[in-house]
Amino acid sequence: MLEIRPNCEHCNKELPNASTEAMICSFECTYCQKCALEIFENVCPSCAGNFVARPIRPEKMIEKYPASSKQVFKPKDLEKAKINSTKFKNIPPEER
């Protein structure tokens, strides 16, 4: 089950369960759309995977299975992230 983390790991923007701006990689690194697509160019700075829109847990399930309240805030070194993005952004995710 996804944690549904509450914030962008890079800029710390709030990303509550119902946010349509939340993006995740296969390891559930969580970023806002701006960071994921504009800054990191659809290349996760941690694993080099791609990002997809994070699903929204239905309200009827959120009480039984609450979203995480644990904030993960680890701003990335933009120079290193740029090297990573440049290396992988033109390679389809299934071939990285």
N, C-alpha and C. Protein backbone atom coordinates (compact mmCIF):
# COMPACT_ATOMS: atom_id res chain seq x y z
N MET A 1 0.85 -1.18 0.00
CA MET A 1 0.00 0.00 0.00
C MET A 1 0.89 1.24 0.00
N LEU A 2 0.58 2.21 -0.83
CA LEU A 2 1.34 3.45 -0.90
C LEU A 2 1.24 4.23 0.40
N GLU A 3 2.33 4.88 0.75
CA GLU A 3 2.33 5.71 1.95
C GLU A 3 1.52 6.98 1.77
N ILE A 4 1.48 7.52 0.56
CA ILE A 4 0.85 8.81 0.27
C ILE A 4 1.54 9.88 1.13
N ARG A 5 2.81 10.11 0.81
CA ARG A 5 3.61 11.08 1.57
C ARG A 5 3.06 12.49 1.41
N PRO A 6 3.18 13.31 2.45
CA PRO A 6 2.46 14.59 2.48
C PRO A 6 3.16 15.80 1.85
N ASN A 7 4.36 15.61 1.30
CA ASN A 7 5.07 16.79 0.80
C ASN A 7 6.05 16.42 -0.30
N CYS A 8 6.48 17.44 -1.04
CA CYS A 8 7.52 17.28 -2.06
C CYS A 8 8.87 17.15 -1.35
N GLU A 9 9.62 16.13 -1.71
CA GLU A 9 10.92 15.91 -1.07
C GLU A 9 11.92 17.01 -1.38
N HIS A 10 11.75 17.71 -2.50
CA HIS A 10 12.73 18.73 -2.88
C HIS A 10 12.35 20.12 -2.40
N CYS A 11 11.13 20.58 -2.69
CA CYS A 11 10.76 21.96 -2.35
C CYS A 11 9.87 22.07 -1.11
N ASN A 12 9.44 20.93 -0.60
CA ASN A 12 8.62 20.85 0.61
C ASN A 12 7.18 21.33 0.42
N LYS A 13 6.73 21.45 -0.82
CA LYS A 13 5.34 21.84 -1.08
C LYS A 13 4.41 20.78 -0.50
N GLU A 14 3.31 21.21 0.10
CA GLU A 14 2.34 20.28 0.66
C GLU A 14 1.65 19.52 -0.47
N LEU A 15 1.56 18.20 -0.30
CA LEU A 15 0.91 17.34 -1.28
C LEU A 15 -0.03 16.38 -0.54
N PRO A 16 -1.16 16.89 -0.07
CA PRO A 16 -2.10 16.03 0.65
C PRO A 16 -2.65 14.93 -0.25
N ASN A 17 -3.32 13.99 0.33
CA ASN A 17 -3.86 12.85 -0.39
C ASN A 17 -4.59 13.24 -1.68
N ALA A 18 -5.40 14.27 -1.64
CA ALA A 18 -6.20 14.64 -2.81
C ALA A 18 -5.46 15.52 -3.82
N SER A 19 -4.19 15.76 -3.62
CA SER A 19 -3.43 16.60 -4.55
C SER A 19 -3.30 15.94 -5.91
N THR A 20 -3.57 16.71 -6.95
CA THR A 20 -3.38 16.22 -8.32
C THR A 20 -2.00 16.60 -8.84
N GLU A 21 -1.19 17.23 -7.99
CA GLU A 21 0.17 17.64 -8.38
C GLU A 21 1.25 16.67 -7.90
N ALA A 22 0.89 15.64 -7.16
CA ALA A 22 1.88 14.72 -6.61
C ALA A 22 2.34 13.72 -7.66
N MET A 23 3.65 13.53 -7.73
CA MET A 23 4.26 12.57 -8.65
C MET A 23 5.14 11.63 -7.83
N ILE A 24 5.20 10.36 -8.24
CA ILE A 24 6.04 9.39 -7.53
C ILE A 24 6.83 8.56 -8.54
N CYS A 25 7.95 8.00 -8.05
CA CYS A 25 8.71 7.02 -8.84
C CYS A 25 8.37 5.64 -8.29
N SER A 26 9.00 4.61 -8.80
CA SER A 26 8.67 3.25 -8.36
C SER A 26 9.08 2.97 -6.91
N PHE A 27 9.94 3.82 -6.34
CA PHE A 27 10.33 3.67 -4.94
C PHE A 27 9.52 4.60 -4.05
N GLU A 28 8.55 5.28 -4.62
CA GLU A 28 7.65 6.19 -3.95
C GLU A 28 8.31 7.50 -3.51
N CYS A 29 9.44 7.84 -4.13
CA CYS A 29 9.97 9.18 -3.93
C CYS A 29 8.84 10.10 -4.40
N THR A 30 8.57 11.15 -3.65
CA THR A 30 7.41 11.99 -3.92
C THR A 30 7.84 13.43 -4.19
N TYR A 31 7.39 13.96 -5.32
CA TYR A 31 7.72 15.32 -5.73
C TYR A 31 6.48 15.99 -6.31
N CYS A 32 6.46 17.30 -6.30
CA CYS A 32 5.40 18.03 -6.96
C CYS A 32 5.68 17.97 -8.47
N GLN A 33 4.67 18.28 -9.27
CA GLN A 33 4.84 18.23 -10.73
C GLN A 33 5.97 19.13 -11.20
N LYS A 34 6.08 20.32 -10.64
CA LYS A 34 7.12 21.25 -11.09
C LYS A 34 8.50 20.66 -10.87
N CYS A 35 8.76 20.12 -9.69
CA CYS A 35 10.08 19.53 -9.42
C CYS A 35 10.31 18.30 -10.29
N ALA A 36 9.31 17.40 -10.34
CA ALA A 36 9.47 16.14 -11.07
C ALA A 36 9.68 16.36 -12.56
N LEU A 37 8.89 17.23 -13.15
CA LEU A 37 8.92 17.37 -14.60
C LEU A 37 9.79 18.51 -15.12
N GLU A 38 9.85 19.62 -14.39
CA GLU A 38 10.64 20.75 -14.87
C GLU A 38 12.07 20.73 -14.34
N ILE A 39 12.24 20.48 -13.07
CA ILE A 39 13.59 20.50 -12.49
C ILE A 39 14.33 19.20 -12.78
N PHE A 40 13.68 18.05 -12.51
CA PHE A 40 14.34 16.76 -12.68
C PHE A 40 14.06 16.10 -14.03
N GLU A 41 13.26 16.75 -14.86
CA GLU A 41 12.99 16.33 -16.24
C GLU A 41 12.54 14.87 -16.36
N ASN A 42 11.66 14.47 -15.46
CA ASN A 42 11.08 13.12 -15.43
C ASN A 42 12.13 12.02 -15.17
N VAL A 43 13.19 12.39 -14.44
CA VAL A 43 14.20 11.42 -14.04
C VAL A 43 14.37 11.56 -12.52
N CYS A 44 14.00 10.52 -11.79
CA CYS A 44 14.13 10.59 -10.33
C CYS A 44 15.60 10.79 -9.96
N PRO A 45 15.90 11.80 -9.15
CA PRO A 45 17.30 12.05 -8.78
C PRO A 45 17.88 10.98 -7.86
N SER A 46 17.04 10.11 -7.33
CA SER A 46 17.53 9.05 -6.45
C SER A 46 17.77 7.74 -7.19
N CYS A 47 16.83 7.36 -8.08
CA CYS A 47 16.93 6.04 -8.71
C CYS A 47 17.01 6.07 -10.23
N ALA A 48 16.86 7.24 -10.84
CA ALA A 48 16.87 7.44 -12.30
C ALA A 48 15.62 6.87 -12.98
N GLY A 49 14.63 6.48 -12.20
CA GLY A 49 13.37 6.04 -12.78
C GLY A 49 12.53 7.22 -13.21
N ASN A 50 11.39 6.93 -13.81
CA ASN A 50 10.49 8.00 -14.24
C ASN A 50 9.45 8.29 -13.16
N PHE A 51 8.68 9.32 -13.39
CA PHE A 51 7.61 9.70 -12.47
C PHE A 51 6.25 9.46 -13.11
N VAL A 52 5.29 9.15 -12.27
CA VAL A 52 3.89 9.04 -12.68
C VAL A 52 3.05 9.79 -11.66
N ALA A 53 1.85 10.14 -12.06
CA ALA A 53 0.94 10.80 -11.12
C ALA A 53 0.64 9.86 -9.97
N ARG A 54 0.72 10.38 -8.75
CA ARG A 54 0.39 9.57 -7.58
C ARG A 54 -1.12 9.40 -7.51
N PRO A 55 -1.59 8.18 -7.29
CA PRO A 55 -3.04 8.01 -7.16
C PRO A 55 -3.58 8.67 -5.90
N ILE A 56 -4.84 8.97 -5.94
CA ILE A 56 -5.52 9.56 -4.78
C ILE A 56 -6.31 8.46 -4.11
N ARG A 57 -6.07 8.28 -2.82
CA ARG A 57 -6.81 7.27 -2.07
C ARG A 57 -8.24 7.78 -1.85
N PRO A 58 -9.25 6.99 -2.22
CA PRO A 58 -10.64 7.44 -2.05
C PRO A 58 -10.95 7.81 -0.61
N GLU A 59 -11.75 8.85 -0.45
CA GLU A 59 -12.11 9.33 0.89
C GLU A 59 -12.68 8.23 1.77
N LYS A 60 -13.45 7.32 1.20
CA LYS A 60 -14.04 6.26 2.02
C LYS A 60 -12.99 5.30 2.56
N MET A 61 -11.78 5.30 1.98
CA MET A 61 -10.72 4.41 2.44
C MET A 61 -9.67 5.13 3.29
N ILE A 62 -9.64 6.45 3.22
CA ILE A 62 -8.59 7.21 3.90
C ILE A 62 -8.70 7.11 5.42
N GLU A 63 -9.91 6.92 5.93
CA GLU A 63 -10.06 6.78 7.39
C GLU A 63 -9.47 5.46 7.87
N LYS A 64 -9.74 4.40 7.14
CA LYS A 64 -9.22 3.08 7.51
C LYS A 64 -7.74 2.95 7.17
N TYR A 65 -7.33 3.55 6.06
CA TYR A 65 -5.94 3.48 5.59
C TYR A 65 -5.42 4.91 5.38
N PRO A 66 -5.08 5.59 6.46
CA PRO A 66 -4.69 7.00 6.35
C PRO A 66 -3.39 7.22 5.57
N ALA A 67 -3.32 8.39 4.98
CA ALA A 67 -2.09 8.80 4.30
C ALA A 67 -1.02 9.05 5.36
N SER A 68 0.22 8.95 4.96
CA SER A 68 1.32 9.19 5.88
C SER A 68 1.34 10.65 6.32
N SER A 69 1.77 10.88 7.54
CA SER A 69 1.97 12.24 8.02
C SER A 69 3.47 12.53 8.18
N LYS A 70 4.29 11.53 7.86
CA LYS A 70 5.74 11.68 7.99
C LYS A 70 6.30 12.44 6.80
N GLN A 71 6.85 13.61 7.08
CA GLN A 71 7.43 14.44 6.03
C GLN A 71 8.82 13.94 5.66
N VAL A 72 9.09 13.87 4.36
CA VAL A 72 10.42 13.54 3.86
C VAL A 72 10.87 14.78 3.09
N PHE A 73 11.87 15.46 3.61
CA PHE A 73 12.37 16.69 2.99
C PHE A 73 13.87 16.56 2.84
N LYS A 74 14.31 16.23 1.62
CA LYS A 74 15.72 16.05 1.31
C LYS A 74 16.02 16.77 0.00
N PRO A 75 16.17 18.10 0.03
CA PRO A 75 16.45 18.82 -1.21
C PRO A 75 17.67 18.23 -1.91
N LYS A 76 17.59 18.13 -3.22
CA LYS A 76 18.64 17.51 -4.00
C LYS A 76 19.68 18.53 -4.46
N ASP A 77 20.90 18.07 -4.65
CA ASP A 77 21.97 18.87 -5.23
C ASP A 77 21.61 19.04 -6.71
N LEU A 78 21.28 20.24 -7.12
CA LEU A 78 20.79 20.46 -8.48
C LEU A 78 21.84 20.20 -9.55
N GLU A 79 23.10 20.40 -9.24
CA GLU A 79 24.15 20.09 -10.23
C GLU A 79 24.20 18.59 -10.49
N LYS A 80 24.16 17.80 -9.43
CA LYS A 80 24.17 16.34 -9.59
C LYS A 80 22.89 15.86 -10.26
N ALA A 81 21.77 16.45 -9.88
CA ALA A 81 20.49 16.06 -10.48
C ALA A 81 20.48 16.37 -11.97
N LYS A 82 21.07 17.48 -12.37
CA LYS A 82 21.13 17.87 -13.79
C LYS A 82 21.95 16.85 -14.58
N ILE A 83 23.06 16.39 -14.02
CA ILE A 83 23.87 15.37 -14.67
C ILE A 83 23.05 14.10 -14.86
N ASN A 84 22.35 13.70 -13.82
CA ASN A 84 21.48 12.52 -13.85
C ASN A 84 20.38 12.68 -14.89
N SER A 85 19.70 13.83 -14.89
CA SER A 85 18.62 14.07 -15.84
C SER A 85 19.14 14.05 -17.27
N THR A 86 20.26 14.70 -17.51
CA THR A 86 20.84 14.76 -18.86
C THR A 86 21.19 13.37 -19.36
N LYS A 87 21.70 12.54 -18.47
CA LYS A 87 22.11 11.18 -18.84
C LYS A 87 20.91 10.30 -19.21
N PHE A 88 19.79 10.45 -18.53
CA PHE A 88 18.67 9.52 -18.69
C PHE A 88 17.41 10.05 -19.34
N LYS A 89 17.23 11.37 -19.47
CA LYS A 89 15.94 11.91 -19.91
C LYS A 89 15.53 11.48 -21.31
N ASN A 90 16.47 11.17 -22.17
CA ASN A 90 16.13 10.75 -23.53
C ASN A 90 16.08 9.24 -23.72
N ILE A 91 16.23 8.52 -22.62
CA ILE A 91 16.14 7.06 -22.64
C ILE A 91 14.78 6.68 -22.07
N PRO A 92 13.99 5.91 -22.81
CA PRO A 92 12.68 5.52 -22.28
C PRO A 92 12.84 4.82 -20.92
N PRO A 93 11.92 5.06 -20.00
CA PRO A 93 12.04 4.45 -18.66
C PRO A 93 12.25 2.94 -18.67
N GLU A 94 11.61 2.25 -19.61
CA GLU A 94 11.75 0.80 -19.66
C GLU A 94 13.13 0.34 -20.12
N GLU A 95 13.95 1.28 -20.59
CA GLU A 95 15.30 0.94 -21.05
C GLU A 95 16.40 1.53 -20.18
N ARG A 96 16.04 2.19 -19.09
CA ARG A 96 17.06 2.81 -18.22
C ARG A 96 17.75 1.77 -17.38
